[in-house]
Each structure stands twice: as C-alpha cells, then as structure tokens.
PDB file of all heavy atoms in Angstrom:
ATOM      1  N   SER A   1       0.813  -1.272   0.001  1.00  0.00           N
ATOM      2  CA  SER A   1      -0.026  -0.076  -0.008  1.00  0.00           C
ATOM      3  C   SER A   1       0.908   1.252   0.079  1.00  0.00           C
ATOM      4  O   SER A   1       0.603   2.273  -0.768  1.00  0.00           O
ATOM      5  CB  SER A   1      -0.972   0.022   1.204  1.00  0.00           C
ATOM      6  OG  SER A   1      -0.240  -0.059   2.439  1.00  0.00           O
ATOM      7  N   ILE A   2       1.925   1.307   0.765  1.00  0.00           N
ATOM      8  CA  ILE A   2       2.804   2.444   0.870  1.00  0.00           C
ATOM      9  C   ILE A   2       3.458   2.678  -0.495  1.00  0.00           C
ATOM     10  O   ILE A   2       3.648   3.927  -0.975  1.00  0.00           O
ATOM     11  CB  ILE A   2       3.801   2.364   1.968  1.00  0.00           C
ATOM     12  CG1 ILE A   2       2.978   2.468   3.355  1.00  0.00           C
ATOM     13  CG2 ILE A   2       4.773   3.512   1.949  1.00  0.00           C
ATOM     14  CD1 ILE A   2       3.699   2.261   4.569  1.00  0.00           C
ATOM     15  N   VAL A   3       3.952   1.606  -1.104  1.00  0.00           N
ATOM     16  CA  VAL A   3       4.691   1.736  -2.306  1.00  0.00           C
ATOM     17  C   VAL A   3       3.737   2.168  -3.426  1.00  0.00           C
ATOM     18  O   VAL A   3       4.089   3.160  -4.145  1.00  0.00           O
ATOM     19  CB  VAL A   3       5.355   0.322  -2.797  1.00  0.00           C
ATOM     20  CG1 VAL A   3       5.667   0.412  -4.270  1.00  0.00           C
ATOM     21  CG2 VAL A   3       6.514   0.001  -1.935  1.00  0.00           C
ATOM     22  N   VAL A   4       2.494   1.766  -3.484  1.00  0.00           N
ATOM     23  CA  VAL A   4       1.456   2.170  -4.400  1.00  0.00           C
ATOM     24  C   VAL A   4       1.176   3.722  -4.191  1.00  0.00           C
ATOM     25  O   VAL A   4       1.101   4.524  -5.185  1.00  0.00           O
ATOM     26  CB  VAL A   4       0.317   1.277  -4.295  1.00  0.00           C
ATOM     27  CG1 VAL A   4      -0.885   1.935  -5.165  1.00  0.00           C
ATOM     28  CG2 VAL A   4       0.491  -0.106  -4.782  1.00  0.00           C
ATOM     29  N   ILE A   5       0.933   4.043  -2.917  1.00  0.00           N
ATOM     30  CA  ILE A   5       0.585   5.510  -2.652  1.00  0.00           C
ATOM     31  C   ILE A   5       1.712   6.379  -3.023  1.00  0.00           C
ATOM     32  O   ILE A   5       1.400   7.401  -3.657  1.00  0.00           O
ATOM     33  CB  ILE A   5       0.153   5.615  -1.155  1.00  0.00           C
ATOM     34  CG1 ILE A   5      -1.084   4.801  -0.879  1.00  0.00           C
ATOM     35  CG2 ILE A   5      -0.051   7.065  -0.822  1.00  0.00           C
ATOM     36  CD1 ILE A   5      -1.384   4.713   0.608  1.00  0.00           C
ATOM     37  N   LEU A   6       2.880   6.061  -2.598  1.00  0.00           N
ATOM     38  CA  LEU A   6       4.032   6.918  -3.052  1.00  0.00           C
ATOM     39  C   LEU A   6       4.249   6.983  -4.478  1.00  0.00           C
ATOM     40  O   LEU A   6       4.641   8.019  -5.098  1.00  0.00           O
ATOM     41  CB  LEU A   6       5.350   6.436  -2.359  1.00  0.00           C
ATOM     42  CG  LEU A   6       5.426   6.747  -0.839  1.00  0.00           C
ATOM     43  CD1 LEU A   6       6.680   6.003  -0.283  1.00  0.00           C
ATOM     44  CD2 LEU A   6       5.455   8.122  -0.503  1.00  0.00           C
ATOM     45  N   GLY A   7       3.945   5.832  -5.129  1.00  0.00           N
ATOM     46  CA  GLY A   7       4.029   5.830  -6.693  1.00  0.00           C
ATOM     47  C   GLY A   7       3.008   6.808  -7.281  1.00  0.00           C
ATOM     48  O   GLY A   7       3.283   7.431  -8.324  1.00  0.00           O
ATOM     49  N   VAL A   8       1.804   6.785  -6.683  1.00  0.00           N
ATOM     50  CA  VAL A   8       0.784   7.735  -7.226  1.00  0.00           C
ATOM     51  C   VAL A   8       1.069   9.117  -6.971  1.00  0.00           C
ATOM     52  O   VAL A   8       0.913  10.049  -7.763  1.00  0.00           O
ATOM     53  CB  VAL A   8      -0.592   7.313  -6.686  1.00  0.00           C
ATOM     54  CG1 VAL A   8      -1.681   8.307  -7.026  1.00  0.00           C
ATOM     55  CG2 VAL A   8      -0.969   5.910  -7.163  1.00  0.00           C
ATOM     56  N   ILE A   9       1.425   9.409  -5.604  1.00  0.00           N
ATOM     57  CA  ILE A   9       1.680  10.771  -5.280  1.00  0.00           C
ATOM     58  C   ILE A   9       2.940  11.334  -6.033  1.00  0.00           C
ATOM     59  O   ILE A   9       2.986  12.531  -6.453  1.00  0.00           O
ATOM     60  CB  ILE A   9       1.967  11.010  -3.719  1.00  0.00           C
ATOM     61  CG1 ILE A   9       0.486  10.612  -2.979  1.00  0.00           C
ATOM     62  CG2 ILE A   9       2.337  12.335  -3.299  1.00  0.00           C
ATOM     63  CD1 ILE A   9       0.580  10.661  -1.495  1.00  0.00           C
ATOM     64  N   SER A  10       3.949  10.559  -6.032  1.00  0.00           N
ATOM     65  CA  SER A  10       5.238  10.860  -6.677  1.00  0.00           C
ATOM     66  C   SER A  10       5.989  12.020  -6.065  1.00  0.00           C
ATOM     67  O   SER A  10       6.993  11.961  -5.499  1.00  0.00           O
ATOM     68  CB  SER A  10       5.141  11.015  -8.219  1.00  0.00           C
ATOM     69  OG  SER A  10       4.268  12.204  -8.544  1.00  0.00           O
ATOM     70  N   ASP A  11       5.364  13.258  -6.110  1.00  0.00           N
ATOM     71  CA  ASP A  11       5.961  14.529  -5.612  1.00  0.00           C
ATOM     72  C   ASP A  11       5.073  15.139  -4.533  1.00  0.00           C
ATOM     73  O   ASP A  11       4.153  15.904  -4.997  1.00  0.00           O
ATOM     74  CB  ASP A  11       6.271  15.475  -6.743  1.00  0.00           C
ATOM     75  CG  ASP A  11       7.054  16.710  -6.216  1.00  0.00           C
ATOM     76  OD1 ASP A  11       7.480  16.632  -5.066  1.00  0.00           O
ATOM     77  OD2 ASP A  11       7.078  17.656  -7.005  1.00  0.00           O
ATOM     78  N   PRO A  12       5.190  14.760  -3.257  1.00  0.00           N
ATOM     79  CA  PRO A  12       4.199  15.295  -2.264  1.00  0.00           C
ATOM     80  C   PRO A  12       4.351  16.821  -2.270  1.00  0.00           C
ATOM     81  O   PRO A  12       3.235  17.514  -1.849  1.00  0.00           O
ATOM     82  CB  PRO A  12       4.630  14.628  -1.024  1.00  0.00           C
ATOM     83  CG  PRO A  12       6.039  14.168  -1.179  1.00  0.00           C
ATOM     84  CD  PRO A  12       6.121  13.883  -2.714  1.00  0.00           C
ATOM     85  N   THR A  13       5.450  17.423  -2.455  1.00  0.00           N
ATOM     86  CA  THR A  13       5.516  18.950  -2.291  1.00  0.00           C
ATOM     87  C   THR A  13       4.612  19.478  -3.393  1.00  0.00           C
ATOM     88  O   THR A  13       4.157  20.673  -3.128  1.00  0.00           O
ATOM     89  CB  THR A  13       6.954  19.339  -2.576  1.00  0.00           C
ATOM     90  OG1 THR A  13       7.389  18.948  -3.797  1.00  0.00           O
ATOM     91  CG2 THR A  13       7.755  18.921  -1.444  1.00  0.00           C
ATOM     92  N   ALA A  14       4.426  18.915  -4.494  1.00  0.00           N
ATOM     93  CA  ALA A  14       3.414  19.595  -5.480  1.00  0.00           C
ATOM     94  C   ALA A  14       2.022  19.586  -5.081  1.00  0.00           C
ATOM     95  O   ALA A  14       1.206  20.405  -5.615  1.00  0.00           O
ATOM     96  CB  ALA A  14       3.576  18.686  -6.790  1.00  0.00           C
ATOM     97  N   LEU A  15       1.713  18.787  -4.053  1.00  0.00           N
ATOM     98  CA  LEU A  15       0.362  18.603  -3.364  1.00  0.00           C
ATOM     99  C   LEU A  15       0.205  19.390  -2.198  1.00  0.00           C
ATOM    100  O   LEU A  15      -0.735  19.428  -1.401  1.00  0.00           O
ATOM    101  CB  LEU A  15      -0.073  17.206  -3.199  1.00  0.00           C
ATOM    102  CG  LEU A  15      -0.116  16.377  -4.516  1.00  0.00           C
ATOM    103  CD1 LEU A  15      -0.382  14.926  -4.134  1.00  0.00           C
ATOM    104  CD2 LEU A  15      -1.180  16.732  -5.485  1.00  0.00           C
ATOM    105  N   GLY A  16       1.464  20.125  -1.759  1.00  0.00           N
ATOM    106  CA  GLY A  16       1.324  20.943  -0.685  1.00  0.00           C
ATOM    107  C   GLY A  16       1.805  20.194   0.658  1.00  0.00           C
ATOM    108  O   GLY A  16       1.397  20.568   1.787  1.00  0.00           O
ATOM    109  N   ILE A  17       2.256  18.924   0.484  1.00  0.00           N
ATOM    110  CA  ILE A  17       2.577  18.169   1.800  1.00  0.00           C
ATOM    111  C   ILE A  17       3.984  18.107   1.955  1.00  0.00           C
ATOM    112  O   ILE A  17       4.804  17.861   1.015  1.00  0.00           O
ATOM    113  CB  ILE A  17       1.992  16.602   1.467  1.00  0.00           C
ATOM    114  CG1 ILE A  17       0.521  16.696   1.078  1.00  0.00           C
ATOM    115  CG2 ILE A  17       2.357  15.861   2.655  1.00  0.00           C
ATOM    116  CD1 ILE A  17       0.017  15.302   0.706  1.00  0.00           C
ATOM    117  N   ASP A  18       4.463  18.364   3.175  1.00  0.00           N
ATOM    118  CA  ASP A  18       5.863  18.213   3.551  1.00  0.00           C
ATOM    119  C   ASP A  18       6.316  16.777   3.494  1.00  0.00           C
ATOM    120  O   ASP A  18       5.579  15.862   4.096  1.00  0.00           O
ATOM    121  CB  ASP A  18       5.960  18.828   4.931  1.00  0.00           C
ATOM    122  CG  ASP A  18       7.462  18.698   5.435  1.00  0.00           C
ATOM    123  OD1 ASP A  18       8.456  19.099   4.639  1.00  0.00           O
ATOM    124  OD2 ASP A  18       7.715  18.343   6.561  1.00  0.00           O
ATOM    125  N   PRO A  19       7.300  16.352   2.723  1.00  0.00           N
ATOM    126  CA  PRO A  19       7.729  15.047   2.715  1.00  0.00           C
ATOM    127  C   PRO A  19       7.975  14.314   4.117  1.00  0.00           C
ATOM    128  O   PRO A  19       7.675  13.192   4.224  1.00  0.00           O
ATOM    129  CB  PRO A  19       8.982  15.054   1.935  1.00  0.00           C
ATOM    130  CG  PRO A  19       8.892  16.392   1.126  1.00  0.00           C
ATOM    131  CD  PRO A  19       8.153  17.277   1.930  1.00  0.00           C
ATOM    132  N   GLU A  20       8.526  15.179   5.092  1.00  0.00           N
ATOM    133  CA  GLU A  20       8.827  14.583   6.383  1.00  0.00           C
ATOM    134  C   GLU A  20       7.538  14.410   7.157  1.00  0.00           C
ATOM    135  O   GLU A  20       7.349  13.340   7.794  1.00  0.00           O
ATOM    136  CB  GLU A  20       9.615  15.563   7.174  1.00  0.00           C
ATOM    137  CG  GLU A  20      11.112  15.805   6.673  1.00  0.00           C
ATOM    138  CD  GLU A  20      11.852  16.693   7.473  1.00  0.00           C
ATOM    139  OE1 GLU A  20      11.335  17.152   8.535  1.00  0.00           O
ATOM    140  OE2 GLU A  20      13.149  16.832   7.191  1.00  0.00           O
ATOM    141  N   THR A  21       6.487  15.169   6.980  1.00  0.00           N
ATOM    142  CA  THR A  21       5.188  14.843   7.549  1.00  0.00           C
ATOM    143  C   THR A  21       4.549  13.599   6.880  1.00  0.00           C
ATOM    144  O   THR A  21       4.067  12.829   7.594  1.00  0.00           O
ATOM    145  CB  THR A  21       4.273  16.035   7.301  1.00  0.00           C
ATOM    146  OG1 THR A  21       4.799  17.217   7.830  1.00  0.00           O
ATOM    147  CG2 THR A  21       2.916  15.804   7.910  1.00  0.00           C
ATOM    148  N   LEU A  22       4.719  13.502   5.645  1.00  0.00           N
ATOM    149  CA  LEU A  22       4.143  12.246   4.984  1.00  0.00           C
ATOM    150  C   LEU A  22       4.806  11.059   5.445  1.00  0.00           C
ATOM    151  O   LEU A  22       4.188  10.037   5.705  1.00  0.00           O
ATOM    152  CB  LEU A  22       4.125  12.468   3.388  1.00  0.00           C
ATOM    153  CG  LEU A  22       3.457  11.322   2.632  1.00  0.00           C
ATOM    154  CD1 LEU A  22       2.051  11.353   2.976  1.00  0.00           C
ATOM    155  CD2 LEU A  22       3.739  11.535   1.199  1.00  0.00           C
ATOM    156  N   ALA A  23       6.105  11.111   5.636  1.00  0.00           N
ATOM    157  CA  ALA A  23       6.919   9.998   6.137  1.00  0.00           C
ATOM    158  C   ALA A  23       6.497   9.607   7.447  1.00  0.00           C
ATOM    159  O   ALA A  23       6.391   8.346   7.867  1.00  0.00           O
ATOM    160  CB  ALA A  23       8.402  10.270   6.070  1.00  0.00           C
ATOM    161  N   MET A  24       6.121  10.576   8.351  1.00  0.00           N
ATOM    162  CA  MET A  24       5.711  10.273   9.686  1.00  0.00           C
ATOM    163  C   MET A  24       4.389   9.579   9.586  1.00  0.00           C
ATOM    164  O   MET A  24       4.085   8.810  10.437  1.00  0.00           O
ATOM    165  CB  MET A  24       5.616  11.538  10.553  1.00  0.00           C
ATOM    166  CG  MET A  24       5.393  11.383  11.975  1.00  0.00           C
ATOM    167  SD  MET A  24       6.517  10.235  12.763  1.00  0.00           S
ATOM    168  CE  MET A  24       7.936  11.223  12.711  1.00  0.00           C
ATOM    169  N   VAL A  25       3.466  10.115   8.652  1.00  0.00           N
ATOM    170  CA  VAL A  25       2.225   9.470   8.565  1.00  0.00           C
ATOM    171  C   VAL A  25       2.276   8.008   8.181  1.00  0.00           C
ATOM    172  O   VAL A  25       1.648   7.120   8.811  1.00  0.00           O
ATOM    173  CB  VAL A  25       1.354  10.229   7.495  1.00  0.00           C
ATOM    174  CG1 VAL A  25       0.121   9.363   7.144  1.00  0.00           C
ATOM    175  CG2 VAL A  25       1.038  11.538   8.014  1.00  0.00           C
ATOM    176  N   PHE A  26       3.248   7.694   7.309  1.00  0.00           N
ATOM    177  CA  PHE A  26       3.423   6.294   6.923  1.00  0.00           C
ATOM    178  C   PHE A  26       4.038   5.405   8.036  1.00  0.00           C
ATOM    179  O   PHE A  26       3.660   4.329   8.149  1.00  0.00           O
ATOM    180  CB  PHE A  26       4.258   6.206   5.656  1.00  0.00           C
ATOM    181  CG  PHE A  26       3.538   6.598   4.310  1.00  0.00           C
ATOM    182  CD1 PHE A  26       4.111   7.465   3.388  1.00  0.00           C
ATOM    183  CD2 PHE A  26       2.261   6.137   4.138  1.00  0.00           C
ATOM    184  CE1 PHE A  26       3.528   7.738   2.307  1.00  0.00           C
ATOM    185  CE2 PHE A  26       1.660   6.402   2.899  1.00  0.00           C
ATOM    186  CZ  PHE A  26       2.218   7.347   2.071  1.00  0.00           C
ATOM    187  N   ILE A  27       4.938   6.036   8.783  1.00  0.00           N
ATOM    188  CA  ILE A  27       5.640   5.305   9.799  1.00  0.00           C
ATOM    189  C   ILE A  27       4.579   4.870  10.949  1.00  0.00           C
ATOM    190  O   ILE A  27       4.607   3.750  11.267  1.00  0.00           O
ATOM    191  CB  ILE A  27       6.699   6.102  10.511  1.00  0.00           C
ATOM    192  CG1 ILE A  27       7.951   6.186   9.537  1.00  0.00           C
ATOM    193  CG2 ILE A  27       7.200   5.475  11.857  1.00  0.00           C
ATOM    194  CD1 ILE A  27       8.882   7.232  10.031  1.00  0.00           C
ATOM    195  N   VAL A  28       3.641   5.816  11.276  1.00  0.00           N
ATOM    196  CA  VAL A  28       2.804   5.555  12.358  1.00  0.00           C
ATOM    197  C   VAL A  28       1.712   4.566  11.699  1.00  0.00           C
ATOM    198  O   VAL A  28       1.250   3.554  12.495  1.00  0.00           O
ATOM    199  CB  VAL A  28       2.085   6.813  12.875  1.00  0.00           C
ATOM    200  CG1 VAL A  28       1.001   6.569  13.724  1.00  0.00           C
ATOM    201  CG2 VAL A  28       3.233   7.766  13.557  1.00  0.00           C
ATOM    202  N   ALA A  29       1.266   4.764  10.506  1.00  0.00           N
ATOM    203  CA  ALA A  29       0.286   3.973   9.958  1.00  0.00           C
ATOM    204  C   ALA A  29       0.773   2.486   9.813  1.00  0.00           C
ATOM    205  O   ALA A  29       0.057   1.377  10.059  1.00  0.00           O
ATOM    206  CB  ALA A  29      -0.065   4.391   8.513  1.00  0.00           C
ATOM    207  N   TRP A  30       2.130   2.300   9.473  1.00  0.00           N
ATOM    208  CA  TRP A  30       2.723   0.935   9.344  1.00  0.00           C
ATOM    209  C   TRP A  30       2.728   0.369  10.763  1.00  0.00           C
ATOM    210  O   TRP A  30       2.389  -0.848  10.888  1.00  0.00           O
ATOM    211  CB  TRP A  30       4.093   1.127   8.714  1.00  0.00           C
ATOM    212  CG  TRP A  30       4.624  -0.166   8.340  1.00  0.00           C
ATOM    213  CD1 TRP A  30       4.615  -1.444   8.878  1.00  0.00           C
ATOM    214  CD2 TRP A  30       5.570  -0.443   7.154  1.00  0.00           C
ATOM    215  NE1 TRP A  30       5.224  -2.403   8.187  1.00  0.00           N
ATOM    216  CE2 TRP A  30       5.823  -1.782   7.107  1.00  0.00           C
ATOM    217  CE3 TRP A  30       5.966   0.364   6.159  1.00  0.00           C
ATOM    218  CZ2 TRP A  30       6.622  -2.282   6.195  1.00  0.00           C
ATOM    219  CZ3 TRP A  30       6.828  -0.088   5.171  1.00  0.00           C
ATOM    220  CH2 TRP A  30       7.124  -1.435   5.079  1.00  0.00           C
ATOM    221  N   SER A  31       3.192   1.142  11.664  1.00  0.00           N
ATOM    222  CA  SER A  31       3.299   0.584  13.052  1.00  0.00           C
ATOM    223  C   SER A  31       1.798   0.228  13.622  1.00  0.00           C
ATOM    224  O   SER A  31       1.789  -0.880  14.166  1.00  0.00           O
ATOM    225  CB  SER A  31       3.893   1.648  13.946  1.00  0.00           C
ATOM    226  OG  SER A  31       5.071   2.101  13.511  1.00  0.00           O
ATOM    227  N   LEU A  32       0.875   0.954  13.377  1.00  0.00           N
ATOM    228  CA  LEU A  32      -0.484   0.654  13.713  1.00  0.00           C
ATOM    229  C   LEU A  32      -1.019  -0.617  13.044  1.00  0.00           C
ATOM    230  O   LEU A  32      -1.732  -1.394  13.650  1.00  0.00           O
ATOM    231  CB  LEU A  32      -1.371   1.770  13.535  1.00  0.00           C
ATOM    232  CG  LEU A  32      -2.910   1.732  13.979  1.00  0.00           C
ATOM    233  CD1 LEU A  32      -2.757   1.491  15.633  1.00  0.00           C
ATOM    234  CD2 LEU A  32      -3.550   2.879  13.793  1.00  0.00           C
ATOM    235  N   THR A  33      -0.679  -0.725  11.789  1.00  0.00           N
ATOM    236  CA  THR A  33      -1.120  -1.860  10.943  1.00  0.00           C
ATOM    237  C   THR A  33      -0.524  -3.127  11.533  1.00  0.00           C
ATOM    238  O   THR A  33      -1.244  -4.125  11.476  1.00  0.00           O
ATOM    239  CB  THR A  33      -0.727  -1.612   9.429  1.00  0.00           C
ATOM    240  OG1 THR A  33      -1.309  -0.451   8.943  1.00  0.00           O
ATOM    241  CG2 THR A  33      -1.235  -2.897   8.649  1.00  0.00           C
ATOM    242  N   ALA A  34       0.690  -3.106  11.931  1.00  0.00           N
ATOM    243  CA  ALA A  34       1.365  -4.232  12.404  1.00  0.00           C
ATOM    244  C   ALA A  34       0.685  -4.757  13.682  1.00  0.00           C
ATOM    245  O   ALA A  34       0.753  -5.987  13.941  1.00  0.00           O
ATOM    246  CB  ALA A  34       2.878  -3.891  12.679  1.00  0.00           C
ATOM    247  N   GLN A  35       0.018  -3.841  14.386  1.00  0.00           N
ATOM    248  CA  GLN A  35      -0.663  -4.266  15.621  1.00  0.00           C
ATOM    249  C   GLN A  35      -2.168  -4.605  15.426  1.00  0.00           C
ATOM    250  O   GLN A  35      -2.822  -5.097  16.310  1.00  0.00           O
ATOM    251  CB  GLN A  35      -0.528  -3.132  16.722  1.00  0.00           C
ATOM    252  CG  GLN A  35       0.909  -2.744  16.947  1.00  0.00           C
ATOM    253  CD  GLN A  35       1.804  -3.872  17.319  1.00  0.00           C
ATOM    254  OE1 GLN A  35       1.310  -4.788  18.200  1.00  0.00           O
ATOM    255  NE2 GLN A  35       2.963  -3.953  16.906  1.00  0.00           N
ATOM    256  N   SER A  36      -2.741  -4.040  14.300  1.00  0.00           N
ATOM    257  CA  SER A  36      -4.172  -4.228  14.054  1.00  0.00           C
ATOM    258  C   SER A  36      -4.602  -5.196  13.045  1.00  0.00           C
ATOM    259  O   SER A  36      -5.817  -5.357  12.689  1.00  0.00           O
ATOM    260  CB  SER A  36      -4.722  -2.848  13.762  1.00  0.00           C
ATOM    261  OG  SER A  36      -4.243  -2.283  12.641  1.00  0.00           O
ATOM    262  N   SER A  37      -3.542  -5.854  12.285  1.00  0.00           N
ATOM    263  CA  SER A  37      -3.867  -6.735  11.202  1.00  0.00           C
ATOM    264  C   SER A  37      -3.391  -8.064  11.517  1.00  0.00           C
ATOM    265  O   SER A  37      -2.257  -8.291  11.892  1.00  0.00           O
ATOM    266  CB  SER A  37      -3.330  -6.245   9.782  1.00  0.00           C
ATOM    267  OG  SER A  37      -3.398  -7.168   8.838  1.00  0.00           O
TER     268      SER A  37
END
C-alpha cells in the first residue's frame, strides 16, 4: 500500500505536503497496521 501510494503521489510537495510529515504518517500507519492486522 505504501509503495503504491508513494508511486501515485510521486511528488508530495506539488500537493502541498511536507515529505517529512508524509513520512511520519506512513511510519505511524505501518506501526499501527502491524498491531491491528
């Protein structure tokens, strides 16, 4: 899912998203998925 999302977004700054913020979103989402799936 993360590879696909990053492939679609490609350049987060073009969408107004800070890359570090997006990275943190993915880190927490991955951690939560590991405990909830």
